[in-house]
């Protein structure tokens, strides 16, 4: 009985911790709700999968661009504001993440030490959608691209 109670508490804590992270989950692009501004590559299809592994948020982006090119990008970063390696994303080699609260995370992507783009990720109150708003990477001024994902 005690072992079952401990297992249940552990499972609930793991689910709660994952839900408290804005990015955790598997997300599919909602084309009807997304808008790409200047400089952003339009996607036909995209899946963003992020999982916590201790302090690291491990993400994989599988994307099909408007011209049919396929891209798989990956990164593993903690919410410490420090740069961490990123791979498979054109003209990006690092990402720095910061968690604002249980619903919002900020990311800044860099190439050869220079910030090249940023975003603010906002998870909906019910946890069923994730909205990525482009921001200028140093000033954090909101851009014109808004990409919406639905939880899968």
Protein backbone atom coordinates (compact mmCIF):
# COMPACT_ATOMS: atom_id res chain seq x y z
CA UNK A 1 0.00 0.00 0.00
CA UNK A 2 2.77 2.43 0.94
CA UNK A 3 4.65 1.60 -2.29
CA UNK A 4 1.53 2.33 -4.38
CA UNK A 5 0.97 5.65 -2.60
CA UNK A 6 4.61 6.64 -3.17
CA UNK A 7 4.35 5.70 -6.87
CA UNK A 8 1.16 7.75 -7.26
CA UNK A 9 2.70 10.79 -5.56
CA UNK A 10 5.82 10.50 -7.73
CA UNK A 11 3.71 10.27 -10.91
CA UNK A 12 1.58 13.28 -9.93
CA UNK A 13 4.69 15.32 -9.13
CA UNK A 14 6.27 14.44 -12.51
CA UNK A 15 3.08 15.40 -14.39
CA UNK A 16 2.76 18.64 -12.42
CA UNK A 17 6.41 19.56 -13.06
CA UNK A 18 6.05 18.92 -16.80
CA UNK A 19 2.83 20.95 -17.01
CA UNK A 20 4.52 23.79 -15.10
CA UNK A 21 7.06 24.13 -17.92
CA UNK A 22 5.78 26.28 -20.81
CA UNK A 23 7.52 24.29 -23.55
CA UNK A 24 7.17 20.67 -22.45
CA UNK A 25 5.07 18.50 -24.73
CA UNK A 26 4.62 17.61 -28.38
CA UNK A 27 3.22 20.47 -30.42
CA UNK A 28 1.99 20.54 -34.04
CA UNK A 29 1.89 23.67 -36.17
CA UNK A 30 -1.55 25.25 -36.64
CA UNK A 31 -1.22 26.88 -40.07
CA UNK A 32 -4.58 28.65 -39.86
CA UNK A 33 -3.61 30.52 -36.70
CA UNK A 34 0.02 31.27 -37.67
CA UNK A 35 1.40 34.34 -39.44
CA UNK A 36 4.95 34.71 -40.76
CA UNK A 37 6.44 38.21 -40.95
CA UNK A 38 9.43 39.44 -42.90
CA UNK A 39 12.51 37.25 -42.81
CA UNK A 40 10.75 34.16 -41.44
CA UNK A 41 10.57 31.02 -43.56
CA UNK A 42 7.00 29.82 -44.05
CA UNK A 43 6.39 26.23 -43.01
CA UNK A 44 4.03 23.65 -44.50
CA UNK A 45 4.23 21.40 -41.47
CA UNK A 46 6.10 21.41 -38.19
CA UNK A 47 6.31 19.47 -34.95
CA UNK A 48 8.04 20.81 -31.85
CA UNK A 49 8.78 18.25 -29.14
CA UNK A 50 10.28 19.34 -25.81
CA UNK A 51 10.95 17.26 -22.71
CA UNK A 52 12.59 18.10 -19.42
CA UNK A 53 15.60 15.99 -18.47
CA UNK A 54 16.61 17.22 -15.06
CA UNK A 55 17.44 20.90 -15.53
CA UNK A 56 17.73 20.59 -19.33
CA UNK A 57 14.91 21.26 -21.75
CA UNK A 58 15.56 19.01 -24.76
CA UNK A 59 13.76 20.10 -27.93
CA UNK A 60 13.50 18.75 -31.47
CA UNK A 61 11.92 20.70 -34.31
CA UNK A 62 10.88 18.71 -37.38
CA UNK A 63 9.87 21.08 -40.14
CA UNK A 64 8.84 21.05 -43.78
CA UNK A 65 9.37 24.47 -45.34
CA UNK A 66 7.16 26.02 -48.04
CA UNK A 67 9.62 24.92 -50.76
CA UNK A 68 9.51 21.29 -49.53
CA UNK A 69 12.88 21.29 -47.73
CA UNK A 70 12.95 19.23 -44.55
CA UNK A 71 14.77 20.45 -41.48
CA UNK A 72 15.44 18.82 -38.11
CA UNK A 73 16.78 21.13 -35.43
CA UNK A 74 17.73 20.23 -31.88
CA UNK A 75 18.88 21.89 -28.70
CA UNK A 76 19.20 21.11 -25.00
CA UNK A 77 19.28 24.13 -22.70
CA UNK A 78 18.54 25.02 -19.12
CA UNK A 79 16.63 28.16 -18.19
CA UNK A 80 19.79 29.85 -16.96
CA UNK A 81 20.17 32.51 -19.66
CA UNK A 82 23.49 30.99 -20.75
CA UNK A 83 24.22 29.86 -24.29
CA UNK A 84 23.83 26.16 -25.07
CA UNK A 85 24.57 24.29 -28.30
CA UNK A 86 21.94 24.08 -31.04
CA UNK A 87 22.14 22.02 -34.24
CA UNK A 88 20.27 21.67 -37.51
CA UNK A 89 18.80 25.19 -37.53
CA UNK A 90 20.18 27.31 -40.40
CA UNK A 91 22.54 30.09 -39.23
CA UNK A 92 22.11 29.13 -35.56
CA UNK A 93 24.62 27.38 -33.31
CA UNK A 94 23.49 28.39 -29.80
CA UNK A 95 20.36 29.10 -27.77
CA UNK A 96 19.87 30.84 -24.43
CA UNK A 97 16.63 30.16 -22.54
CA UNK A 98 14.93 31.92 -19.65
CA UNK A 99 11.70 30.90 -17.96
CA UNK A 100 9.52 33.89 -17.11
CA UNK A 101 6.86 31.84 -15.29
CA UNK A 102 4.95 28.55 -15.63
CA UNK A 103 3.39 29.79 -18.90
CA UNK A 104 6.12 31.87 -20.59
CA UNK A 105 9.65 31.13 -21.79
CA UNK A 106 12.07 33.35 -23.72
CA UNK A 107 14.69 32.12 -26.18
CA UNK A 108 17.52 33.90 -27.96
CA UNK A 109 19.26 32.12 -30.82
CA UNK A 110 22.82 33.08 -31.82
CA UNK A 111 25.28 32.34 -34.58
CA UNK A 112 29.01 32.63 -33.92
CA UNK A 113 28.31 34.59 -30.74
CA UNK A 114 25.93 37.11 -32.29
CA UNK A 115 22.17 37.05 -31.47
CA UNK A 116 20.20 36.44 -34.69
CA UNK A 117 16.60 35.94 -33.56
CA UNK A 118 14.50 35.48 -30.48
CA UNK A 119 11.05 34.45 -29.41
CA UNK A 120 8.67 34.43 -26.49
CA UNK A 121 6.75 31.16 -26.07
CA UNK A 122 3.41 31.42 -24.30
CA UNK A 123 1.47 28.31 -23.26
CA UNK A 124 -2.29 28.77 -23.01
CA UNK A 125 -4.01 28.55 -19.62
CA UNK A 126 -5.51 25.15 -20.50
CA UNK A 127 -2.15 23.87 -21.83
CA UNK A 128 -3.55 22.99 -25.26
CA UNK A 129 -1.74 25.59 -27.38
CA UNK A 130 1.68 27.19 -27.53
CA UNK A 131 2.11 30.59 -29.20
CA UNK A 132 5.57 31.64 -30.35
CA UNK A 133 5.95 35.39 -30.86
CA UNK A 134 9.07 36.63 -32.68
CA UNK A 135 11.10 39.25 -30.83
CA UNK A 136 14.19 41.21 -31.72
CA UNK A 137 16.96 39.25 -29.95
CA UNK A 138 18.60 42.09 -28.02
CA UNK A 139 15.84 44.65 -27.38
CA UNK A 140 13.03 42.04 -27.12
CA UNK A 141 10.75 44.30 -29.22
CA UNK A 142 7.88 42.22 -30.61
CA UNK A 143 8.17 41.28 -34.28
CA UNK A 144 5.52 40.40 -36.84
CA UNK A 145 5.70 36.57 -36.82
CA UNK A 146 3.30 34.64 -34.62
CA UNK A 147 3.40 30.85 -34.83
CA UNK A 148 0.78 28.76 -33.04
CA UNK A 149 1.10 25.10 -32.11
CA UNK A 150 -1.55 22.72 -30.77
CA UNK A 151 -0.75 20.07 -28.19
CA UNK A 152 -0.71 16.60 -29.70
